[in-house]
Amino acid sequence: MIKDMSQAKELTANKLKVKIFETRNDMGRNAAYDVSQKIKDLLMEKDFINIIFAAAPSQNEFLSTLSVKEGIDWSKINAFHMDEYVGLKSAAQRFGQFLKERIFSKVPFKKIYYINGEADPVLEGKRYADLLMQFPADIVCMGIGENTHIAFNDPHEADFHDPLMVKEVNLDEISRRQQVHDGCFPSIDEVPISAITLTVPTLLNAMNIFCIVPGNNKAEAIYHTLNDEINEMHPSTILRSHENAVLYLDKESASML
């Protein structure tokens, strides 16, 4: 396993630290190493911590490595996820199920808090927001969408000063097509049109953000993330304002930099 950070090309964009690795596997393994070290450090200071996870194929290498890391007391960690489709009947394609298969069922978390996409979205948003207020996030492990969304805060829905912590959103076409590109759905007609998502302020309120973004299909989004003005037209640009955020890229996702 690569632990030598000198093997990564490093740069900064405002406050955001960026680490670029040669391969997707190197990127995922190094992100998992950094997250595991942060978990251990926090658990030396706190009785338990809270982590929010993203559910997407872009997280596969990271999650598979993190789930087998030694020396992490998972029984002192509460787990959350950052979005879920509304009304999706197929359990296999739900984000909660994705994370259950890749990490939630593999390690003994203190508690796992799932978003219920079949509940009333407004009531479910309030319920999940109450949980997040009770258990403020210490770590967010996330990605960036092809349209620069973070969680499901697409450009037309993103609000950097959103008064809500969790809300229902309508998904734009780029966001829905990404689910097809990722192999999660056979066609865009089968992708739900709405989701429950943690809002931008909720994500940014976390003490530490680790953002893992591999692949050539994310290269344009990464270019905008690091070079455009910080605004809701490109929601991921807000990461450049966070005091403790790190962006992990592979050679393909960094190809336009």
C-alpha atoms as a PDB file:
ATOM      1  CA  MET A   1       0.000   0.000   0.000  1.00  0.00           C
ATOM      2  CA  ILE A   2       1.282   3.432  -0.877  1.00  0.00           C
ATOM      3  CA  LYS A   3       1.741   5.638   2.158  1.00  0.00           C
ATOM      4  CA  ASP A   4       4.433   7.955   0.787  1.00  0.00           C
ATOM      5  CA  MET A   5       2.637  11.161  -0.074  1.00  0.00           C
ATOM      6  CA  SER A   6       5.652  12.228  -2.153  1.00  0.00           C
ATOM      7  CA  GLN A   7       4.302   9.913  -4.827  1.00  0.00           C
ATOM      8  CA  ALA A   8       1.395  12.291  -5.280  1.00  0.00           C
ATOM      9  CA  LYS A   9       1.503  15.601  -7.056  1.00  0.00           C
ATOM     10  CA  GLU A  10       0.151  18.196  -4.641  1.00  0.00           C
ATOM     11  CA  LEU A  11      -1.319  21.645  -5.198  1.00  0.00           C
ATOM     12  CA  THR A  12      -3.748  24.009  -3.542  1.00  0.00           C
ATOM     13  CA  ALA A  13      -6.755  25.998  -4.733  1.00  0.00           C
ATOM     14  CA  ASN A  14      -7.575  28.669  -2.162  1.00  0.00           C
ATOM     15  CA  LYS A  15      -7.813  26.585   1.036  1.00  0.00           C
ATOM     16  CA  LEU A  16      -8.420  23.261  -0.722  1.00  0.00           C
ATOM     17  CA  LYS A  17      -5.562  20.764  -0.750  1.00  0.00           C
ATOM     18  CA  VAL A  18      -5.345  18.631  -3.909  1.00  0.00           C
ATOM     19  CA  LYS A  19      -3.481  15.331  -4.268  1.00  0.00           C
ATOM     20  CA  ILE A  20      -3.098  13.777  -7.721  1.00  0.00           C
ATOM     21  CA  PHE A  21      -2.146  10.120  -8.104  1.00  0.00           C
ATOM     22  CA  GLU A  22      -1.105   8.115 -11.120  1.00  0.00           C
ATOM     23  CA  THR A  23      -3.856   5.510 -10.821  1.00  0.00           C
ATOM     24  CA  ARG A  24      -7.348   5.195  -9.414  1.00  0.00           C
ATOM     25  CA  ASN A  25      -6.210   2.454  -7.034  1.00  0.00           C
ATOM     26  CA  ASP A  26      -3.391   4.610  -5.654  1.00  0.00           C
ATOM     27  CA  MET A  27      -5.867   7.445  -5.161  1.00  0.00           C
ATOM     28  CA  GLY A  28      -8.367   5.274  -3.291  1.00  0.00           C
ATOM     29  CA  ARG A  29      -5.769   3.612  -1.080  1.00  0.00           C
ATOM     30  CA  ASN A  30      -4.151   6.889  -0.103  1.00  0.00           C
ATOM     31  CA  ALA A  31      -7.491   8.528   0.662  1.00  0.00           C
ATOM     32  CA  ALA A  32      -8.375   5.546   2.869  1.00  0.00           C
ATOM     33  CA  TYR A  33      -5.032   5.834   4.657  1.00  0.00           C
ATOM     34  CA  ASP A  34      -5.580   9.535   5.362  1.00  0.00           C
ATOM     35  CA  VAL A  35      -9.154   8.989   6.560  1.00  0.00           C
ATOM     36  CA  SER A  36      -8.108   6.109   8.812  1.00  0.00           C
ATOM     37  CA  GLN A  37      -5.410   8.254  10.393  1.00  0.00           C
ATOM     38  CA  LYS A  38      -7.891  11.080  10.982  1.00  0.00           C
ATOM     39  CA  ILE A  39     -10.355   8.625  12.554  1.00  0.00           C
ATOM     40  CA  LYS A  40      -7.689   7.338  14.930  1.00  0.00           C
ATOM     41  CA  ASP A  41      -6.623  10.859  15.858  1.00  0.00           C
ATOM     42  CA  LEU A  42     -10.197  11.946  16.569  1.00  0.00           C
ATOM     43  CA  LEU A  43     -10.947   8.854  18.656  1.00  0.00           C
ATOM     44  CA  MET A  44      -8.019   9.731  20.898  1.00  0.00           C
ATOM     45  CA  GLU A  45      -9.865  12.967  21.707  1.00  0.00           C
ATOM     46  CA  LYS A  46     -13.544  11.941  21.593  1.00  0.00           C
ATOM     47  CA  ASP A  47     -15.689   9.074  22.884  1.00  0.00           C
ATOM     48  CA  PHE A  48     -17.259   8.600  19.466  1.00  0.00           C
ATOM     49  CA  ILE A  49     -17.317  10.309  16.078  1.00  0.00           C
ATOM     50  CA  ASN A  50     -19.744  10.729  13.191  1.00  0.00           C
ATOM     51  CA  ILE A  51     -18.951  10.109   9.529  1.00  0.00           C
ATOM     52  CA  ILE A  52     -21.047  10.886   6.439  1.00  0.00           C
ATOM     53  CA  PHE A  53     -20.398   8.720   3.378  1.00  0.00           C
ATOM     54  CA  ALA A  54     -21.133   9.191  -0.319  1.00  0.00           C
ATOM     55  CA  ALA A  55     -22.586   6.319  -2.324  1.00  0.00           C
ATOM     56  CA  ALA A  56     -21.149   6.142  -5.855  1.00  0.00           C
ATOM     57  CA  PRO A  57     -18.841   3.891  -7.872  1.00  0.00           C
ATOM     58  CA  SER A  58     -16.208   6.627  -7.632  1.00  0.00           C
ATOM     59  CA  GLN A  59     -15.835   5.644  -3.960  1.00  0.00           C
ATOM     60  CA  ASN A  60     -15.265   1.926  -4.574  1.00  0.00           C
ATOM     61  CA  GLU A  61     -11.493   1.787  -4.171  1.00  0.00           C
ATOM     62  CA  PHE A  62     -11.586   4.077  -1.173  1.00  0.00           C
ATOM     63  CA  LEU A  63     -14.361   2.160   0.597  1.00  0.00           C
ATOM     64  CA  SER A  64     -12.900  -1.273  -0.082  1.00  0.00           C
ATOM     65  CA  THR A  65      -9.592  -0.207   1.461  1.00  0.00           C
ATOM     66  CA  LEU A  66     -11.085   1.670   4.395  1.00  0.00           C
ATOM     67  CA  SER A  67     -13.314  -1.284   5.320  1.00  0.00           C
ATOM     68  CA  VAL A  68     -10.283  -3.533   5.957  1.00  0.00           C
ATOM     69  CA  LYS A  69      -8.089  -0.992   7.717  1.00  0.00           C
ATOM     70  CA  GLU A  70      -6.654  -2.253  10.987  1.00  0.00           C
ATOM     71  CA  GLY A  71      -6.686  -0.341  14.225  1.00  0.00           C
ATOM     72  CA  ILE A  72     -10.018   1.480  13.776  1.00  0.00           C
ATOM     73  CA  ASP A  73     -12.547   1.071  16.589  1.00  0.00           C
ATOM     74  CA  TRP A  74     -15.677   1.094  14.442  1.00  0.00           C
ATOM     75  CA  SER A  75     -17.842   0.564  17.525  1.00  0.00           C
ATOM     76  CA  LYS A  76     -17.216   4.235  18.317  1.00  0.00           C
ATOM     77  CA  ILE A  77     -18.343   5.544  14.931  1.00  0.00           C
ATOM     78  CA  ASN A  78     -21.838   6.541  13.799  1.00  0.00           C
ATOM     79  CA  ALA A  79     -22.406   6.313  10.041  1.00  0.00           C
ATOM     80  CA  PHE A  80     -24.622   8.480   7.839  1.00  0.00           C
ATOM     81  CA  HIS A  81     -25.061   8.831   4.095  1.00  0.00           C
ATOM     82  CA  MET A  82     -25.600  12.021   2.155  1.00  0.00           C
ATOM     83  CA  ASP A  83     -28.468  11.315  -0.228  1.00  0.00           C
ATOM     84  CA  GLU A  84     -31.151   8.861  -1.286  1.00  0.00           C
ATOM     85  CA  TYR A  85     -33.594   8.545  -4.170  1.00  0.00           C
ATOM     86  CA  VAL A  86     -37.232   9.347  -3.476  1.00  0.00           C
ATOM     87  CA  GLY A  87     -39.682   6.529  -4.045  1.00  0.00           C
ATOM     88  CA  LEU A  88     -37.270   4.053  -5.623  1.00  0.00           C
ATOM     89  CA  LYS A  89     -38.772   0.594  -5.275  1.00  0.00           C
ATOM     90  CA  SER A  90     -35.629  -1.337  -6.199  1.00  0.00           C
ATOM     91  CA  ALA A  91     -33.652  -1.785  -3.008  1.00  0.00           C
ATOM     92  CA  ALA A  92     -30.584  -2.836  -4.980  1.00  0.00           C
ATOM     93  CA  GLN A  93     -30.128   0.657  -6.453  1.00  0.00           C
ATOM     94  CA  ARG A  94     -30.658   2.635  -3.284  1.00  0.00           C
ATOM     95  CA  PHE A  95     -27.656   4.490  -1.946  1.00  0.00           C
ATOM     96  CA  GLY A  96     -28.138   2.999   1.495  1.00  0.00           C
ATOM     97  CA  GLN A  97     -27.906  -0.474  -0.024  1.00  0.00           C
ATOM     98  CA  PHE A  98     -24.788   0.522  -1.985  1.00  0.00           C
ATOM     99  CA  LEU A  99     -23.044   1.533   1.232  1.00  0.00           C
ATOM    100  CA  LYS A 100     -24.371  -1.471   3.119  1.00  0.00           C
ATOM    101  CA  GLU A 101     -22.708  -3.766   0.601  1.00  0.00           C
ATOM    102  CA  ARG A 102     -19.395  -1.890   0.554  1.00  0.00           C
ATOM    103  CA  ILE A 103     -18.824  -0.850   4.153  1.00  0.00           C
ATOM    104  CA  PHE A 104     -21.874  -0.670   6.443  1.00  0.00           C
ATOM    105  CA  SER A 105     -22.177  -4.479   6.682  1.00  0.00           C
ATOM    106  CA  LYS A 106     -18.432  -5.096   6.781  1.00  0.00           C
ATOM    107  CA  VAL A 107     -17.459  -3.289   9.974  1.00  0.00           C
ATOM    108  CA  PRO A 108     -19.225  -3.028  13.364  1.00  0.00           C
ATOM    109  CA  PHE A 109     -20.389   0.583  13.446  1.00  0.00           C
ATOM    110  CA  LYS A 110     -21.827   1.994  16.666  1.00  0.00           C
ATOM    111  CA  LYS A 111     -24.959   2.933  14.703  1.00  0.00           C
ATOM    112  CA  ILE A 112     -25.911   3.323  11.043  1.00  0.00           C
ATOM    113  CA  TYR A 113     -28.489   5.970  10.185  1.00  0.00           C
ATOM    114  CA  TYR A 114     -30.191   5.390   6.845  1.00  0.00           C
ATOM    115  CA  ILE A 115     -32.225   7.899   4.861  1.00  0.00           C
ATOM    116  CA  ASN A 116     -35.634   6.405   4.076  1.00  0.00           C
ATOM    117  CA  GLY A 117     -36.431   7.306   0.471  1.00  0.00           C
ATOM    118  CA  GLU A 118     -39.923   5.815   0.724  1.00  0.00           C
ATOM    119  CA  ALA A 119     -41.007   8.118   3.543  1.00  0.00           C
ATOM    120  CA  ASP A 120     -42.548  11.548   3.084  1.00  0.00           C
ATOM    121  CA  PRO A 121     -39.553  13.606   1.891  1.00  0.00           C
ATOM    122  CA  VAL A 122     -40.311  16.629   4.062  1.00  0.00           C
ATOM    123  CA  LEU A 123     -40.801  14.603   7.226  1.00  0.00           C
ATOM    124  CA  GLU A 124     -37.803  12.415   6.445  1.00  0.00           C
ATOM    125  CA  GLY A 125     -35.666  15.484   5.847  1.00  0.00           C
ATOM    126  CA  LYS A 126     -36.632  16.842   9.254  1.00  0.00           C
ATOM    127  CA  ARG A 127     -35.965  13.496  10.935  1.00  0.00           C
ATOM    128  CA  TYR A 128     -32.530  13.161   9.381  1.00  0.00           C
ATOM    129  CA  ALA A 129     -31.679  16.791  10.104  1.00  0.00           C
ATOM    130  CA  ASP A 130     -32.515  16.193  13.771  1.00  0.00           C
ATOM    131  CA  LEU A 131     -30.100  13.257  13.814  1.00  0.00           C
ATOM    132  CA  LEU A 132     -27.351  15.330  12.216  1.00  0.00           C
ATOM    133  CA  MET A 133     -27.854  18.050  14.803  1.00  0.00           C
ATOM    134  CA  GLN A 134     -27.637  15.431  17.552  1.00  0.00           C
ATOM    135  CA  PHE A 135     -24.536  13.876  15.959  1.00  0.00           C
ATOM    136  CA  PRO A 136     -22.585  16.630  14.139  1.00  0.00           C
ATOM    137  CA  ALA A 137     -20.293  15.314  11.427  1.00  0.00           C
ATOM    138  CA  ASP A 138     -16.617  14.981  12.198  1.00  0.00           C
ATOM    139  CA  ILE A 139     -15.766  13.616   8.748  1.00  0.00           C
ATOM    140  CA  VAL A 140     -17.440  13.752   5.343  1.00  0.00           C
ATOM    141  CA  CYS A 141     -16.229  11.329   2.663  1.00  0.00           C
ATOM    142  CA  MET A 142     -17.645  12.516  -0.632  1.00  0.00           C
ATOM    143  CA  GLY A 143     -17.304  12.836  -4.400  1.00  0.00           C
ATOM    144  CA  ILE A 144     -18.094  15.399  -7.089  1.00  0.00           C
ATOM    145  CA  GLY A 145     -20.617  14.868  -9.868  1.00  0.00           C
ATOM    146  CA  GLU A 146     -20.164  15.396 -13.590  1.00  0.00           C
ATOM    147  CA  ASN A 147     -22.127  18.642 -13.217  1.00  0.00           C
ATOM    148  CA  THR A 148     -20.023  19.598 -10.132  1.00  0.00           C
ATOM    149  CA  HIS A 149     -22.768  18.644  -7.702  1.00  0.00           C
ATOM    150  CA  ILE A 150     -21.873  17.660  -4.155  1.00  0.00           C
ATOM    151  CA  ALA A 151     -24.304  15.162  -2.701  1.00  0.00           C
ATOM    152  CA  PHE A 152     -27.364  15.848  -4.904  1.00  0.00           C
ATOM    153  CA  ASN A 153     -27.017  19.619  -4.794  1.00  0.00           C
ATOM    154  CA  ASP A 154     -27.136  20.118  -8.560  1.00  0.00           C
ATOM    155  CA  PRO A 155     -26.390  23.639  -9.862  1.00  0.00           C
ATOM    156  CA  HIS A 156     -30.065  24.571 -10.086  1.00  0.00           C
ATOM    157  CA  GLU A 157     -30.726  23.392  -6.497  1.00  0.00           C
ATOM    158  CA  ALA A 158     -27.489  24.297  -4.703  1.00  0.00           C
ATOM    159  CA  ASP A 159     -27.677  27.031  -2.091  1.00  0.00           C
ATOM    160  CA  PHE A 160     -24.520  27.921  -0.180  1.00  0.00           C
ATOM    161  CA  HIS A 161     -26.708  29.531   2.512  1.00  0.00           C
ATOM    162  CA  ASP A 162     -29.499  26.951   2.529  1.00  0.00           C
ATOM    163  CA  PRO A 163     -31.626  27.289   5.670  1.00  0.00           C
ATOM    164  CA  LEU A 164     -32.396  23.566   5.541  1.00  0.00           C
ATOM    165  CA  MET A 165     -29.995  20.806   6.552  1.00  0.00           C
ATOM    166  CA  VAL A 166     -31.724  18.121   4.476  1.00  0.00           C
ATOM    167  CA  LYS A 167     -34.198  18.616   1.645  1.00  0.00           C
ATOM    168  CA  GLU A 168     -35.876  17.070  -1.383  1.00  0.00           C
ATOM    169  CA  VAL A 169     -34.417  18.127  -4.735  1.00  0.00           C
ATOM    170  CA  ASN A 170     -35.220  17.591  -8.388  1.00  0.00           C
ATOM    171  CA  LEU A 171     -32.326  16.039 -10.292  1.00  0.00           C
ATOM    172  CA  ASP A 172     -31.075  17.634 -13.492  1.00  0.00           C
ATOM    173  CA  GLU A 173     -30.488  15.626 -16.669  1.00  0.00           C
ATOM    174  CA  ILE A 174     -26.708  15.577 -16.343  1.00  0.00           C
ATOM    175  CA  SER A 175     -26.990  14.217 -12.843  1.00  0.00           C
ATOM    176  CA  ARG A 176     -29.441  11.525 -13.934  1.00  0.00           C
ATOM    177  CA  ARG A 177     -27.335  10.584 -16.962  1.00  0.00           C
ATOM    178  CA  GLN A 178     -24.327  10.154 -14.702  1.00  0.00           C
ATOM    179  CA  GLN A 179     -26.186   7.317 -12.982  1.00  0.00           C
ATOM    180  CA  VAL A 180     -26.360   5.591 -16.359  1.00  0.00           C
ATOM    181  CA  HIS A 181     -22.686   6.320 -17.108  1.00  0.00           C
ATOM    182  CA  ASP A 182     -21.804   4.811 -13.721  1.00  0.00           C
ATOM    183  CA  GLY A 183     -23.693   1.634 -14.622  1.00  0.00           C
ATOM    184  CA  CYS A 184     -26.251   2.067 -11.855  1.00  0.00           C
ATOM    185  CA  PHE A 185     -29.238   2.144 -14.237  1.00  0.00           C
ATOM    186  CA  PRO A 186     -29.644   0.776 -17.783  1.00  0.00           C
ATOM    187  CA  SER A 187     -31.330   3.941 -19.085  1.00  0.00           C
ATOM    188  CA  ILE A 188     -32.155   7.460 -17.956  1.00  0.00           C
ATOM    189  CA  ASP A 189     -35.857   6.606 -18.013  1.00  0.00           C
ATOM    190  CA  GLU A 190     -35.290   4.378 -15.012  1.00  0.00           C
ATOM    191  CA  VAL A 191     -33.391   6.973 -12.953  1.00  0.00           C
ATOM    192  CA  PRO A 192     -35.586   8.679 -10.331  1.00  0.00           C
ATOM    193  CA  ILE A 193     -36.280  12.364 -10.858  1.00  0.00           C
ATOM    194  CA  SER A 194     -35.932  13.432  -7.223  1.00  0.00           C
ATOM    195  CA  ALA A 195     -33.897  12.680  -4.142  1.00  0.00           C
ATOM    196  CA  ILE A 196     -33.418  13.606  -0.499  1.00  0.00           C
ATOM    197  CA  THR A 197     -30.027  15.238   0.018  1.00  0.00           C
ATOM    198  CA  LEU A 198     -27.930  16.831   2.689  1.00  0.00           C
ATOM    199  CA  THR A 199     -27.558  20.483   1.727  1.00  0.00           C
ATOM    200  CA  VAL A 200     -24.315  22.314   1.017  1.00  0.00           C
ATOM    201  CA  PRO A 201     -24.037  23.965   4.467  1.00  0.00           C
ATOM    202  CA  THR A 202     -24.588  20.595   6.140  1.00  0.00           C
ATOM    203  CA  LEU A 203     -21.680  19.083   4.234  1.00  0.00           C
ATOM    204  CA  LEU A 204     -19.435  22.100   4.777  1.00  0.00           C
ATOM    205  CA  ASN A 205     -20.130  22.137   8.517  1.00  0.00           C
ATOM    206  CA  ALA A 206     -18.136  18.935   8.920  1.00  0.00           C
ATOM    207  CA  MET A 207     -14.768  19.353  10.613  1.00  0.00           C
ATOM    208  CA  ASN A 208     -12.969  17.375   7.900  1.00  0.00           C
ATOM    209  CA  ILE A 209     -13.815  16.699   4.246  1.00  0.00           C
ATOM    210  CA  PHE A 210     -12.166  14.036   2.126  1.00  0.00           C
ATOM    211  CA  CYS A 211     -13.300  14.243  -1.512  1.00  0.00           C
ATOM    212  CA  ILE A 212     -12.455  11.327  -3.826  1.00  0.00           C
ATOM    213  CA  VAL A 213     -12.943  11.914  -7.559  1.00  0.00           C
ATOM    214  CA  PRO A 214     -11.459   9.539 -10.154  1.00  0.00           C
ATOM    215  CA  GLY A 215     -12.081   9.106 -13.874  1.00  0.00           C
ATOM    216  CA  ASN A 216     -11.950  10.948 -17.158  1.00  0.00           C
ATOM    217  CA  ASN A 217     -15.691  11.681 -17.036  1.00  0.00           C
ATOM    218  CA  LYS A 218     -14.994  13.962 -14.048  1.00  0.00           C
ATOM    219  CA  ALA A 219     -12.118  15.907 -15.664  1.00  0.00           C
ATOM    220  CA  GLU A 220     -14.258  18.863 -16.737  1.00  0.00           C
ATOM    221  CA  ALA A 221     -15.948  19.040 -13.341  1.00  0.00           C
ATOM    222  CA  ILE A 222     -12.554  19.096 -11.652  1.00  0.00           C
ATOM    223  CA  TYR A 223     -11.376  21.887 -13.944  1.00  0.00           C
ATOM    224  CA  HIS A 224     -14.402  23.989 -12.940  1.00  0.00           C
ATOM    225  CA  THR A 225     -14.000  23.066  -9.272  1.00  0.00           C
ATOM    226  CA  LEU A 226     -10.465  24.415  -9.107  1.00  0.00           C
ATOM    227  CA  ASN A 227     -10.574  27.289 -11.592  1.00  0.00           C
ATOM    228  CA  ASP A 228     -14.025  28.902 -11.677  1.00  0.00           C
ATOM    229  CA  GLU A 229     -15.446  31.535  -9.357  1.00  0.00           C
ATOM    230  CA  ILE A 230     -16.855  30.084  -6.144  1.00  0.00           C
ATOM    231  CA  ASN A 231     -20.603  30.078  -6.713  1.00  0.00           C
ATOM    232  CA  GLU A 232     -23.650  27.836  -7.008  1.00  0.00           C
ATOM    233  CA  MET A 233     -23.254  27.436 -10.787  1.00  0.00           C
ATOM    234  CA  HIS A 234     -20.490  24.977  -9.871  1.00  0.00           C
ATOM    235  CA  PRO A 235     -21.392  23.760  -6.367  1.00  0.00           C
ATOM    236  CA  SER A 236     -18.115  21.912  -5.781  1.00  0.00           C
ATOM    237  CA  THR A 237     -16.195  25.200  -5.910  1.00  0.00           C
ATOM    238  CA  ILE A 238     -17.354  25.787  -2.330  1.00  0.00           C
ATOM    239  CA  LEU A 239     -14.852  23.153  -1.184  1.00  0.00           C
ATOM    240  CA  ARG A 240     -12.130  25.751  -1.776  1.00  0.00           C
ATOM    241  CA  SER A 241     -13.463  27.707   1.211  1.00  0.00           C
ATOM    242  CA  HIS A 242     -13.185  24.863   3.738  1.00  0.00           C
ATOM    243  CA  GLU A 243     -10.360  24.894   6.278  1.00  0.00           C
ATOM    244  CA  ASN A 244      -9.810  21.121   6.307  1.00  0.00           C
ATOM    245  CA  ALA A 245     -10.730  19.698   2.899  1.00  0.00           C
ATOM    246  CA  VAL A 246      -8.606  17.448   0.688  1.00  0.00           C
ATOM    247  CA  LEU A 247      -9.411  16.520  -2.915  1.00  0.00           C
ATOM    248  CA  TYR A 248      -8.030  13.217  -4.224  1.00  0.00           C
ATOM    249  CA  LEU A 249      -7.683  12.791  -7.992  1.00  0.00           C
ATOM    250  CA  ASP A 250      -6.240  10.250 -10.375  1.00  0.00           C
ATOM    251  CA  LYS A 251      -4.411  11.070 -13.596  1.00  0.00           C
ATOM    252  CA  GLU A 252      -7.644  10.933 -15.608  1.00  0.00           C
ATOM    253  CA  SER A 253      -9.766  13.221 -13.448  1.00  0.00           C
ATOM    254  CA  ALA A 254      -6.833  15.686 -13.318  1.00  0.00           C
ATOM    255  CA  SER A 255      -6.236  15.566 -17.072  1.00  0.00           C
ATOM    256  CA  MET A 256      -7.593  19.086 -17.764  1.00  0.00           C
ATOM    257  CA  LEU A 257      -5.587  20.831 -15.055  1.00  0.00           C
END
